Amino acid sequence: MLVALESSDTVVIVAFLLTLVVIFVALAQVMRTTFWRAVGAWCATLIPAFVLYRPRRWDLIVFRFPEDPTTVYVKRLVGMPGETITIRNGAVFANGTQPAPPVDAGPLHYLAKMENWHGRNSLWGSADRPAALASDEYFVLGDFSAASNDSRLWEVGAPGHPSYAVPTDHIVGVVTHIYWPPSRWRAFR
């Protein structure tokens, strides 16, 4: 059964639908902006650290950047509390032992030197500048070593911590899934 609408009813319905469209577009924009600021280029499902998952070596973690805690980063966790981290021949060493990276991470090759990076050639974690972590500190690296702003390069740390360290209280969560784009869907835990 069809009901005939008067022109004033049609105007009200159209105005209502346009209002809904404007609200949905505004919400989508806010959510998209907030989401991308929160996790950068990663589309990930996050589980708060220390609630369900404690961070482990080789996990991808979300953390507040020590120099500017309003900025959130996603990096690979390679150094655990109490360890001394060095990078040699593209591999990570913890207390002189080379932990095996997970097979599904692909080939990981980390740089210990970058020519004339801010007036110095050796980075944190290199043989010249090993990174000694306290009981509440972590060392993180980006998988794309030559272009990653990670523990090796930082010059200013969180208060009371060396520049290369991510303090425990800066860790937001452990990445458990990548779900976008669908072609990169993956579960880590």
Protein backbone atom coordinates (compact mmCIF):
# COMPACT_ATOMS: atom_id res chain seq x y z
CA MET A 1 0.00 0.00 0.00
CA LEU A 2 1.42 3.36 -1.02
CA VAL A 3 0.70 6.51 0.87
CA ALA A 4 0.61 9.82 -0.92
CA LEU A 5 2.88 12.40 0.67
CA GLU A 6 2.27 16.08 0.62
CA SER A 7 5.12 18.31 -0.50
CA SER A 8 5.74 19.51 3.08
CA ASP A 9 6.18 15.87 4.20
CA THR A 10 8.67 15.28 1.39
CA VAL A 11 10.69 18.32 2.42
CA VAL A 12 10.84 17.10 6.04
CA ILE A 13 11.97 13.62 4.98
CA VAL A 14 14.64 14.97 2.63
CA ALA A 15 15.89 17.37 5.31
CA PHE A 16 16.03 14.51 7.82
CA LEU A 17 17.96 12.27 5.41
CA LEU A 18 20.42 15.06 4.57
CA THR A 19 20.98 15.67 8.29
CA LEU A 20 21.74 11.98 8.79
CA VAL A 21 24.22 12.01 5.90
CA VAL A 22 26.01 15.06 7.32
CA ILE A 23 26.20 13.46 10.78
CA PHE A 24 27.53 10.17 9.39
CA VAL A 25 30.14 11.93 7.24
CA ALA A 26 31.30 14.03 10.21
CA LEU A 27 31.54 10.98 12.49
CA ALA A 28 33.43 9.01 9.85
CA GLN A 29 35.91 11.86 9.44
CA VAL A 30 36.49 12.18 13.20
CA MET A 31 36.88 8.42 13.64
CA ARG A 32 39.25 8.13 10.68
CA THR A 33 41.43 11.03 11.86
CA THR A 34 41.54 9.76 15.45
CA PHE A 35 42.26 6.20 14.34
CA TRP A 36 45.15 7.13 12.06
CA ARG A 37 46.66 9.42 14.68
CA ALA A 38 46.44 6.62 17.23
CA VAL A 39 48.18 3.88 15.27
CA GLY A 40 49.86 5.61 12.36
CA ALA A 41 49.95 3.54 9.19
CA TRP A 42 48.97 0.28 10.92
CA CYS A 43 45.40 -0.87 11.03
CA ALA A 44 45.54 -3.09 14.06
CA THR A 45 43.45 -4.57 16.81
CA LEU A 46 45.09 -3.66 20.09
CA ILE A 47 45.00 -5.55 23.35
CA PRO A 48 46.09 -3.37 26.26
CA ALA A 49 49.55 -4.39 27.45
CA PHE A 50 49.77 -6.22 30.74
CA VAL A 51 46.03 -6.93 30.80
CA LEU A 52 45.79 -9.94 28.51
CA TYR A 53 49.20 -9.99 26.82
CA ARG A 54 52.57 -9.10 28.26
CA PRO A 55 54.95 -7.82 25.59
CA ARG A 56 57.42 -10.42 24.32
CA ARG A 57 60.50 -10.08 22.16
CA TRP A 58 59.58 -9.68 18.48
CA ASP A 59 56.03 -8.47 19.27
CA LEU A 60 54.78 -5.37 17.50
CA ILE A 61 53.88 -2.95 20.25
CA VAL A 62 52.05 0.36 20.39
CA PHE A 63 53.73 2.90 22.65
CA ARG A 64 53.91 6.59 23.42
CA PHE A 65 57.04 8.16 21.89
CA PRO A 66 59.41 8.93 24.81
CA GLU A 67 60.33 12.39 23.47
CA ASP A 68 56.70 13.39 22.87
CA PRO A 69 54.15 11.18 24.69
CA THR A 70 51.29 12.65 22.63
CA THR A 71 52.67 10.77 19.60
CA VAL A 72 51.96 7.04 19.33
CA TYR A 73 54.31 4.64 17.50
CA VAL A 74 54.16 0.99 16.42
CA LYS A 75 57.54 -0.80 16.39
CA ARG A 76 59.01 -4.26 16.88
CA LEU A 77 60.11 -5.05 20.44
CA VAL A 78 63.67 -6.44 20.37
CA GLY A 79 65.15 -5.57 23.78
CA MET A 80 63.68 -6.68 27.10
CA PRO A 81 64.19 -5.22 30.59
CA GLY A 82 67.66 -5.81 32.04
CA GLU A 83 69.32 -6.66 28.72
CA THR A 84 72.14 -4.99 26.83
CA ILE A 85 71.28 -4.72 23.13
CA THR A 86 73.77 -4.57 20.27
CA ILE A 87 73.29 -4.86 16.52
CA ARG A 88 75.97 -6.69 14.52
CA ASN A 89 75.87 -7.78 10.89
CA GLY A 90 72.20 -6.83 10.67
CA ALA A 91 71.16 -9.02 13.63
CA VAL A 92 70.07 -8.14 17.15
CA PHE A 93 72.06 -9.48 20.11
CA ALA A 94 70.73 -9.48 23.67
CA ASN A 95 73.46 -9.90 26.30
CA GLY A 96 75.74 -11.27 23.58
CA THR A 97 73.28 -13.92 22.37
CA GLN A 98 71.39 -13.70 19.09
CA PRO A 99 67.68 -14.43 19.67
CA ALA A 100 66.05 -16.02 16.63
CA PRO A 101 63.41 -13.79 15.03
CA PRO A 102 60.08 -15.43 14.22
CA VAL A 103 59.93 -17.03 10.79
CA ASP A 104 56.72 -15.21 9.87
CA ALA A 105 58.41 -11.82 10.38
CA GLY A 106 60.38 -12.33 7.18
CA PRO A 107 64.00 -11.36 6.81
CA LEU A 108 64.85 -8.64 9.30
CA HIS A 109 68.08 -6.71 8.76
CA TYR A 110 68.87 -3.88 11.15
CA LEU A 111 71.45 -1.16 10.54
CA ALA A 112 73.95 -0.33 13.29
CA LYS A 113 75.46 2.58 11.35
CA MET A 114 74.16 5.36 9.17
CA GLU A 115 76.66 7.61 7.47
CA ASN A 116 76.88 10.99 9.20
CA TRP A 117 73.51 10.81 10.92
CA HIS A 118 73.30 14.13 12.83
CA GLY A 119 77.07 14.30 12.99
CA ARG A 120 77.65 10.78 14.25
CA ASN A 121 78.07 7.45 12.53
CA SER A 122 77.26 5.00 15.33
CA LEU A 123 73.74 4.58 16.66
CA TRP A 124 72.33 3.30 19.95
CA GLY A 125 72.63 -0.46 19.94
CA SER A 126 75.79 -0.46 17.82
CA ALA A 127 79.01 -2.07 19.10
CA ASP A 128 80.27 1.46 19.93
CA ARG A 129 77.07 2.42 21.80
CA PRO A 130 75.37 -0.63 23.35
CA ALA A 131 71.95 0.01 24.86
CA ALA A 132 71.81 -1.14 28.50
CA LEU A 133 68.18 -1.43 29.60
CA ALA A 134 66.96 -1.03 33.17
CA SER A 135 64.32 -3.26 34.76
CA ASP A 136 61.47 -1.13 33.32
CA GLU A 137 62.81 -0.36 29.82
CA TYR A 138 62.48 -1.80 26.32
CA PHE A 139 64.36 -1.32 23.01
CA VAL A 140 62.35 -1.11 19.78
CA LEU A 141 63.27 -1.19 16.09
CA GLY A 142 61.33 -0.54 12.91
CA ASP A 143 61.25 -3.33 10.35
CA PHE A 144 62.35 -0.91 7.63
CA SER A 145 65.64 -0.06 9.37
CA ALA A 146 67.04 2.52 6.94
CA ALA A 147 63.91 4.68 7.22
CA SER A 148 62.73 4.03 10.77
CA ASN A 149 62.73 6.49 13.66
CA ASP A 150 63.39 3.99 16.45
CA SER A 151 65.46 3.43 19.62
CA ARG A 152 68.73 3.59 17.67
CA LEU A 153 68.17 7.22 16.66
CA TRP A 154 66.41 8.94 19.52
CA GLU A 155 68.21 11.81 21.21
CA VAL A 156 65.76 12.71 23.98
CA GLY A 157 64.24 10.13 26.30
CA ALA A 158 61.41 10.00 28.78
CA PRO A 159 62.24 11.71 32.08
CA GLY A 160 64.61 9.53 34.11
CA HIS A 161 65.37 7.18 31.19
CA PRO A 162 68.07 7.06 28.51
CA SER A 163 67.06 8.31 25.07
CA TYR A 164 66.91 4.84 23.50
CA ALA A 165 64.57 3.31 26.11
CA VAL A 166 60.79 2.87 25.98
CA PRO A 167 59.64 2.85 29.62
CA THR A 168 57.09 0.24 30.66
CA ASP A 169 54.53 2.94 31.44
CA HIS A 170 54.72 4.21 27.84
CA ILE A 171 53.52 0.89 26.37
CA VAL A 172 49.90 1.10 25.25
CA GLY A 173 49.38 -2.39 23.89
CA VAL A 174 50.48 -5.37 21.87
CA VAL A 175 49.40 -5.64 18.24
CA THR A 176 47.46 -8.86 17.84
CA HIS A 177 46.03 -8.50 14.32
CA ILE A 178 46.35 -6.54 11.12
CA TYR A 179 42.97 -6.47 9.45
CA TRP A 180 43.25 -3.75 6.82
CA PRO A 181 43.77 -3.93 3.95
CA PRO A 182 42.25 -7.41 3.71
CA SER A 183 45.15 -8.60 1.55
CA ARG A 184 47.46 -8.10 4.57
CA TRP A 185 45.17 -9.69 7.18
CA ARG A 186 47.24 -11.44 9.79
CA ALA A 187 47.00 -12.68 13.38
CA PHE A 188 50.10 -12.44 15.55
CA ARG A 189 48.76 -14.04 18.71
